[in-house]
Amino acid sequence: QVQLVESGGGLVQAGGSLRLSCAASGSIGSGASMGWYRQAPGRQRELVATITAGFISTNYADSVKGRFTISRDNAKNIVYLQMNSLKPEDTAIYYCNAAWTAWQRYSYWGQGTQVTVSS
């Protein structure tokens, strides 16, 4: 059983910052990539940022490059998303994801945390 629990969302003014956390527990594959995705009302879920387990490479959506930073603490099984210079268009529910392949593809999601950026 894998559990991902997000926290840190909230209401912030444009230009402000938030840090999201995702606490992972359970039988997560040792090579799991972790990621943050978001879904705004009426829109499809989209990738925000991912981070790999091994050599710690990261990938960001163009819309957040230079403003968001993903990081992970493997000892604590926590993934962070530092969000700076927030814009109203960043308003969405943010979801944590863990994914890996071991004979089959595994992908788990958290319940999401709301981020609202006011103008």
N, C-alpha and C. Protein backbone atom coordinates (compact mmCIF):
# COMPACT_ATOMS: atom_id res chain seq x y z
N GLN A 1 0.85 -1.19 0.00
CA GLN A 1 0.00 0.00 0.00
C GLN A 1 0.88 1.24 0.00
N VAL A 2 0.63 2.13 -0.93
CA VAL A 2 1.39 3.38 -1.04
C VAL A 2 0.46 4.53 -0.68
N GLN A 3 0.97 5.42 0.15
CA GLN A 3 0.21 6.63 0.49
C GLN A 3 1.04 7.86 0.21
N LEU A 4 0.42 8.83 -0.41
CA LEU A 4 1.03 10.13 -0.66
C LEU A 4 0.13 11.19 -0.05
N VAL A 5 0.68 11.99 0.85
CA VAL A 5 -0.12 13.00 1.54
C VAL A 5 0.50 14.37 1.29
N GLU A 6 -0.26 15.21 0.59
CA GLU A 6 0.21 16.56 0.29
C GLU A 6 -0.19 17.53 1.39
N SER A 7 0.58 18.56 1.54
CA SER A 7 0.26 19.65 2.47
C SER A 7 0.94 20.91 2.00
N GLY A 8 0.53 22.04 2.59
CA GLY A 8 1.19 23.30 2.29
C GLY A 8 0.43 24.23 1.36
N GLY A 9 -0.70 23.77 0.84
CA GLY A 9 -1.47 24.64 -0.03
C GLY A 9 -2.15 25.75 0.76
N GLY A 10 -2.75 26.68 0.03
CA GLY A 10 -3.42 27.78 0.69
C GLY A 10 -3.69 28.93 -0.25
N LEU A 11 -4.04 30.06 0.34
CA LEU A 11 -4.34 31.28 -0.40
C LEU A 11 -3.17 32.24 -0.26
N VAL A 12 -2.71 32.76 -1.38
CA VAL A 12 -1.57 33.68 -1.37
C VAL A 12 -1.80 34.74 -2.43
N GLN A 13 -1.24 35.92 -2.21
CA GLN A 13 -1.35 36.98 -3.20
C GLN A 13 -0.34 36.77 -4.33
N ALA A 14 -0.65 37.31 -5.45
CA ALA A 14 0.27 37.23 -6.58
C ALA A 14 1.63 37.79 -6.18
N GLY A 15 2.68 37.08 -6.61
CA GLY A 15 4.03 37.46 -6.23
C GLY A 15 4.53 36.76 -4.98
N GLY A 16 3.64 36.11 -4.27
CA GLY A 16 4.00 35.43 -3.04
C GLY A 16 4.57 34.05 -3.28
N SER A 17 4.81 33.35 -2.18
CA SER A 17 5.45 32.03 -2.24
C SER A 17 4.70 31.03 -1.37
N LEU A 18 4.78 29.78 -1.76
CA LEU A 18 4.28 28.67 -0.97
C LEU A 18 5.24 27.50 -1.14
N ARG A 19 5.29 26.64 -0.14
CA ARG A 19 6.04 25.40 -0.29
C ARG A 19 5.11 24.22 -0.02
N LEU A 20 4.97 23.38 -1.02
CA LEU A 20 4.17 22.17 -0.88
C LEU A 20 5.06 21.01 -0.45
N SER A 21 4.49 20.13 0.34
CA SER A 21 5.19 18.92 0.76
C SER A 21 4.35 17.71 0.42
N CYS A 22 5.03 16.62 0.11
CA CYS A 22 4.36 15.35 -0.16
C CYS A 22 5.08 14.28 0.63
N ALA A 23 4.41 13.75 1.64
CA ALA A 23 4.98 12.69 2.46
C ALA A 23 4.56 11.34 1.89
N ALA A 24 5.56 10.54 1.56
CA ALA A 24 5.30 9.24 0.94
C ALA A 24 5.54 8.12 1.95
N SER A 25 4.69 7.12 1.91
CA SER A 25 4.87 5.96 2.78
C SER A 25 4.39 4.71 2.05
N GLY A 26 4.85 3.56 2.54
CA GLY A 26 4.44 2.30 1.94
C GLY A 26 5.52 1.73 1.03
N SER A 27 5.13 0.81 0.19
CA SER A 27 6.07 0.06 -0.64
C SER A 27 6.34 0.79 -1.95
N ILE A 28 7.08 1.85 -1.85
CA ILE A 28 7.43 2.63 -3.04
C ILE A 28 8.71 2.08 -3.63
N GLY A 29 8.72 1.88 -4.94
CA GLY A 29 9.89 1.36 -5.61
C GLY A 29 11.11 2.22 -5.39
N SER A 30 12.27 1.56 -5.26
CA SER A 30 13.49 2.28 -4.93
C SER A 30 13.88 3.27 -6.02
N GLY A 31 13.47 3.01 -7.25
CA GLY A 31 13.81 3.92 -8.33
C GLY A 31 12.69 4.85 -8.72
N ALA A 32 11.76 5.09 -7.80
CA ALA A 32 10.58 5.88 -8.14
C ALA A 32 10.92 7.33 -8.46
N SER A 33 10.33 7.83 -9.53
CA SER A 33 10.34 9.25 -9.80
C SER A 33 9.15 9.87 -9.10
N MET A 34 9.36 11.06 -8.57
CA MET A 34 8.28 11.77 -7.89
C MET A 34 7.95 13.03 -8.68
N GLY A 35 6.70 13.41 -8.64
CA GLY A 35 6.33 14.56 -9.42
C GLY A 35 5.17 15.33 -8.81
N TRP A 36 5.05 16.56 -9.27
CA TRP A 36 3.90 17.39 -8.94
C TRP A 36 3.15 17.69 -10.22
N TYR A 37 1.84 17.56 -10.16
CA TYR A 37 0.95 17.87 -11.26
C TYR A 37 -0.12 18.81 -10.70
N ARG A 38 -0.82 19.49 -11.60
CA ARG A 38 -1.89 20.37 -11.15
C ARG A 38 -3.07 20.31 -12.11
N GLN A 39 -4.22 20.63 -11.55
CA GLN A 39 -5.43 20.65 -12.37
C GLN A 39 -6.27 21.85 -11.96
N ALA A 40 -6.46 22.74 -12.92
CA ALA A 40 -7.31 23.91 -12.72
C ALA A 40 -8.72 23.58 -13.16
N PRO A 41 -9.72 24.30 -12.67
CA PRO A 41 -11.11 24.03 -13.04
C PRO A 41 -11.30 24.06 -14.56
N GLY A 42 -11.93 23.03 -15.09
CA GLY A 42 -12.20 22.97 -16.51
C GLY A 42 -11.03 22.61 -17.38
N ARG A 43 -9.91 22.27 -16.76
CA ARG A 43 -8.71 21.94 -17.53
C ARG A 43 -8.21 20.55 -17.17
N GLN A 44 -7.39 19.99 -18.05
CA GLN A 44 -6.82 18.67 -17.78
C GLN A 44 -5.66 18.80 -16.79
N ARG A 45 -5.40 17.69 -16.12
CA ARG A 45 -4.25 17.66 -15.22
C ARG A 45 -2.97 17.79 -16.05
N GLU A 46 -2.05 18.61 -15.56
CA GLU A 46 -0.82 18.85 -16.30
C GLU A 46 0.39 18.69 -15.39
N LEU A 47 1.50 18.33 -16.01
CA LEU A 47 2.75 18.18 -15.28
C LEU A 47 3.27 19.55 -14.84
N VAL A 48 3.75 19.61 -13.62
CA VAL A 48 4.40 20.81 -13.12
C VAL A 48 5.91 20.58 -13.04
N ALA A 49 6.30 19.51 -12.34
CA ALA A 49 7.73 19.21 -12.16
C ALA A 49 7.89 17.76 -11.73
N THR A 50 9.00 17.16 -12.14
CA THR A 50 9.34 15.81 -11.71
C THR A 50 10.79 15.75 -11.28
N ILE A 51 11.09 14.77 -10.45
CA ILE A 51 12.46 14.57 -9.99
C ILE A 51 12.71 13.07 -9.90
N THR A 52 13.86 12.64 -10.44
CA THR A 52 14.17 11.21 -10.45
C THR A 52 14.86 10.80 -9.16
N ALA A 53 14.96 9.49 -8.98
CA ALA A 53 15.52 8.97 -7.73
C ALA A 53 17.03 8.88 -7.78
N GLY A 54 17.60 8.50 -8.92
CA GLY A 54 19.01 8.17 -8.97
C GLY A 54 19.92 9.38 -8.97
N PHE A 55 20.10 9.97 -10.13
CA PHE A 55 21.02 11.10 -10.23
C PHE A 55 20.33 12.44 -10.03
N ILE A 56 19.12 12.38 -9.52
CA ILE A 56 18.38 13.57 -9.15
C ILE A 56 18.30 14.58 -10.30
N SER A 57 17.78 14.12 -11.41
CA SER A 57 17.51 15.07 -12.49
C SER A 57 16.09 15.59 -12.34
N THR A 58 15.87 16.79 -12.80
CA THR A 58 14.57 17.43 -12.67
C THR A 58 14.04 17.87 -14.03
N ASN A 59 12.73 18.01 -14.08
CA ASN A 59 12.07 18.45 -15.29
C ASN A 59 10.93 19.38 -14.90
N TYR A 60 10.77 20.48 -15.62
CA TYR A 60 9.76 21.47 -15.28
C TYR A 60 8.92 21.83 -16.50
N ALA A 61 7.67 22.15 -16.24
CA ALA A 61 6.84 22.74 -17.28
C ALA A 61 7.39 24.12 -17.60
N ASP A 62 7.29 24.51 -18.86
CA ASP A 62 7.82 25.82 -19.26
C ASP A 62 7.20 26.95 -18.44
N SER A 63 5.95 26.79 -18.07
CA SER A 63 5.23 27.86 -17.39
C SER A 63 5.74 28.12 -15.97
N VAL A 64 6.50 27.18 -15.40
CA VAL A 64 6.97 27.36 -14.02
C VAL A 64 8.49 27.44 -13.93
N LYS A 65 9.18 27.26 -15.04
CA LYS A 65 10.65 27.31 -15.00
C LYS A 65 11.13 28.65 -14.46
N GLY A 66 12.11 28.57 -13.56
CA GLY A 66 12.65 29.77 -12.96
C GLY A 66 11.87 30.27 -11.76
N ARG A 67 10.68 29.71 -11.54
CA ARG A 67 9.85 30.14 -10.39
C ARG A 67 9.66 29.01 -9.38
N PHE A 68 9.55 27.79 -9.85
CA PHE A 68 9.29 26.63 -8.98
C PHE A 68 10.55 25.77 -8.91
N THR A 69 10.73 25.14 -7.75
CA THR A 69 11.84 24.22 -7.56
C THR A 69 11.35 22.96 -6.86
N ILE A 70 11.62 21.82 -7.48
CA ILE A 70 11.27 20.54 -6.87
C ILE A 70 12.51 19.94 -6.21
N SER A 71 12.31 19.33 -5.07
CA SER A 71 13.43 18.69 -4.37
C SER A 71 12.87 17.50 -3.58
N ARG A 72 13.76 16.64 -3.15
CA ARG A 72 13.32 15.48 -2.38
C ARG A 72 14.31 15.15 -1.28
N ASP A 73 13.77 14.67 -0.17
CA ASP A 73 14.57 14.20 0.95
C ASP A 73 14.33 12.70 1.03
N ASN A 74 15.25 11.93 0.47
CA ASN A 74 15.05 10.48 0.39
C ASN A 74 15.03 9.83 1.78
N ALA A 75 15.75 10.40 2.71
CA ALA A 75 15.78 9.83 4.05
C ALA A 75 14.42 9.93 4.73
N LYS A 76 13.71 11.03 4.44
CA LYS A 76 12.40 11.25 5.05
C LYS A 76 11.25 10.88 4.12
N ASN A 77 11.57 10.51 2.88
CA ASN A 77 10.53 10.20 1.88
C ASN A 77 9.56 11.37 1.71
N ILE A 78 10.12 12.55 1.55
CA ILE A 78 9.31 13.75 1.34
C ILE A 78 9.78 14.44 0.07
N VAL A 79 8.83 14.89 -0.71
CA VAL A 79 9.11 15.67 -1.90
C VAL A 79 8.53 17.06 -1.70
N TYR A 80 9.29 18.06 -2.09
CA TYR A 80 8.87 19.44 -1.90
C TYR A 80 8.69 20.13 -3.25
N LEU A 81 7.84 21.13 -3.25
CA LEU A 81 7.72 22.02 -4.39
C LEU A 81 7.72 23.45 -3.84
N GLN A 82 8.83 24.13 -4.03
CA GLN A 82 8.92 25.53 -3.64
C GLN A 82 8.41 26.38 -4.79
N MET A 83 7.40 27.17 -4.52
CA MET A 83 6.75 27.98 -5.55
C MET A 83 6.93 29.45 -5.21
N ASN A 84 7.67 30.15 -6.06
CA ASN A 84 7.91 31.58 -5.87
C ASN A 84 7.27 32.37 -7.00
N SER A 85 7.12 33.66 -6.79
CA SER A 85 6.55 34.55 -7.82
C SER A 85 5.26 33.98 -8.37
N LEU A 86 4.38 33.59 -7.48
CA LEU A 86 3.14 32.95 -7.89
C LEU A 86 2.26 33.91 -8.67
N LYS A 87 1.54 33.33 -9.64
CA LYS A 87 0.65 34.08 -10.50
C LYS A 87 -0.77 33.54 -10.35
N PRO A 88 -1.79 34.34 -10.65
CA PRO A 88 -3.16 33.82 -10.57
C PRO A 88 -3.36 32.57 -11.41
N GLU A 89 -2.66 32.46 -12.52
CA GLU A 89 -2.82 31.27 -13.37
C GLU A 89 -2.20 30.02 -12.77
N ASP A 90 -1.51 30.15 -11.64
CA ASP A 90 -1.01 28.97 -10.93
C ASP A 90 -2.09 28.35 -10.03
N THR A 91 -3.22 29.01 -9.94
CA THR A 91 -4.32 28.50 -9.11
C THR A 91 -4.79 27.15 -9.64
N ALA A 92 -4.78 26.14 -8.77
CA ALA A 92 -5.16 24.79 -9.16
C ALA A 92 -5.09 23.88 -7.93
N ILE A 93 -5.56 22.67 -8.11
CA ILE A 93 -5.29 21.62 -7.12
C ILE A 93 -3.98 20.96 -7.54
N TYR A 94 -3.06 20.86 -6.61
CA TYR A 94 -1.76 20.28 -6.88
C TYR A 94 -1.70 18.86 -6.32
N TYR A 95 -1.28 17.94 -7.18
CA TYR A 95 -1.24 16.53 -6.82
C TYR A 95 0.19 16.01 -6.85
N CYS A 96 0.50 15.17 -5.88
CA CYS A 96 1.79 14.49 -5.84
C CYS A 96 1.66 13.12 -6.52
N ASN A 97 2.70 12.72 -7.22
CA ASN A 97 2.69 11.44 -7.91
C ASN A 97 3.99 10.68 -7.67
N ALA A 98 3.88 9.38 -7.51
CA ALA A 98 5.05 8.49 -7.45
C ALA A 98 4.90 7.46 -8.54
N ALA A 99 5.93 7.26 -9.33
CA ALA A 99 5.84 6.33 -10.45
C ALA A 99 7.15 5.58 -10.63
N TRP A 100 7.02 4.29 -10.94
CA TRP A 100 8.19 3.46 -11.22
C TRP A 100 7.77 2.22 -11.98
N THR A 101 8.75 1.56 -12.54
CA THR A 101 8.49 0.34 -13.30
C THR A 101 9.25 -0.83 -12.66
N ALA A 102 8.50 -1.86 -12.32
CA ALA A 102 9.08 -3.10 -11.79
C ALA A 102 8.20 -4.22 -12.30
N TRP A 103 8.58 -4.79 -13.44
CA TRP A 103 7.77 -5.78 -14.15
C TRP A 103 6.49 -5.15 -14.72
N GLN A 104 5.95 -4.16 -14.06
CA GLN A 104 4.81 -3.43 -14.58
C GLN A 104 4.96 -1.97 -14.14
N ARG A 105 4.12 -1.12 -14.72
CA ARG A 105 4.17 0.29 -14.41
C ARG A 105 3.30 0.55 -13.18
N TYR A 106 3.87 1.24 -12.19
CA TYR A 106 3.13 1.65 -11.00
C TYR A 106 3.04 3.18 -10.98
N SER A 107 1.87 3.67 -10.60
CA SER A 107 1.68 5.11 -10.49
C SER A 107 0.65 5.38 -9.41
N TYR A 108 1.02 6.20 -8.44
CA TYR A 108 0.15 6.50 -7.32
C TYR A 108 0.00 8.02 -7.19
N TRP A 109 -1.18 8.42 -6.70
CA TRP A 109 -1.51 9.84 -6.56
C TRP A 109 -1.92 10.16 -5.13
N GLY A 110 -1.61 11.38 -4.72
CA GLY A 110 -2.14 11.88 -3.47
C GLY A 110 -3.53 12.45 -3.67
N GLN A 111 -4.09 12.98 -2.61
CA GLN A 111 -5.46 13.49 -2.67
C GLN A 111 -5.52 14.92 -3.18
N GLY A 112 -4.38 15.59 -3.23
CA GLY A 112 -4.34 16.95 -3.75
C GLY A 112 -4.41 18.01 -2.67
N THR A 113 -3.85 19.16 -2.98
CA THR A 113 -3.91 20.31 -2.08
C THR A 113 -4.19 21.55 -2.92
N GLN A 114 -5.11 22.37 -2.45
CA GLN A 114 -5.55 23.54 -3.22
C GLN A 114 -4.57 24.70 -3.05
N VAL A 115 -4.21 25.28 -4.18
CA VAL A 115 -3.41 26.50 -4.20
C VAL A 115 -4.22 27.57 -4.91
N THR A 116 -4.45 28.68 -4.25
CA THR A 116 -5.20 29.78 -4.83
C THR A 116 -4.35 31.05 -4.76
N VAL A 117 -4.15 31.66 -5.91
CA VAL A 117 -3.35 32.88 -6.00
C VAL A 117 -4.27 34.02 -6.40
N SER A 118 -4.38 35.00 -5.54
CA SER A 118 -5.25 36.14 -5.81
C SER A 118 -4.46 37.25 -6.49
N SER A 119 -5.16 38.00 -7.33
CA SER A 119 -4.50 39.08 -8.07
C SER A 119 -4.54 40.38 -7.30
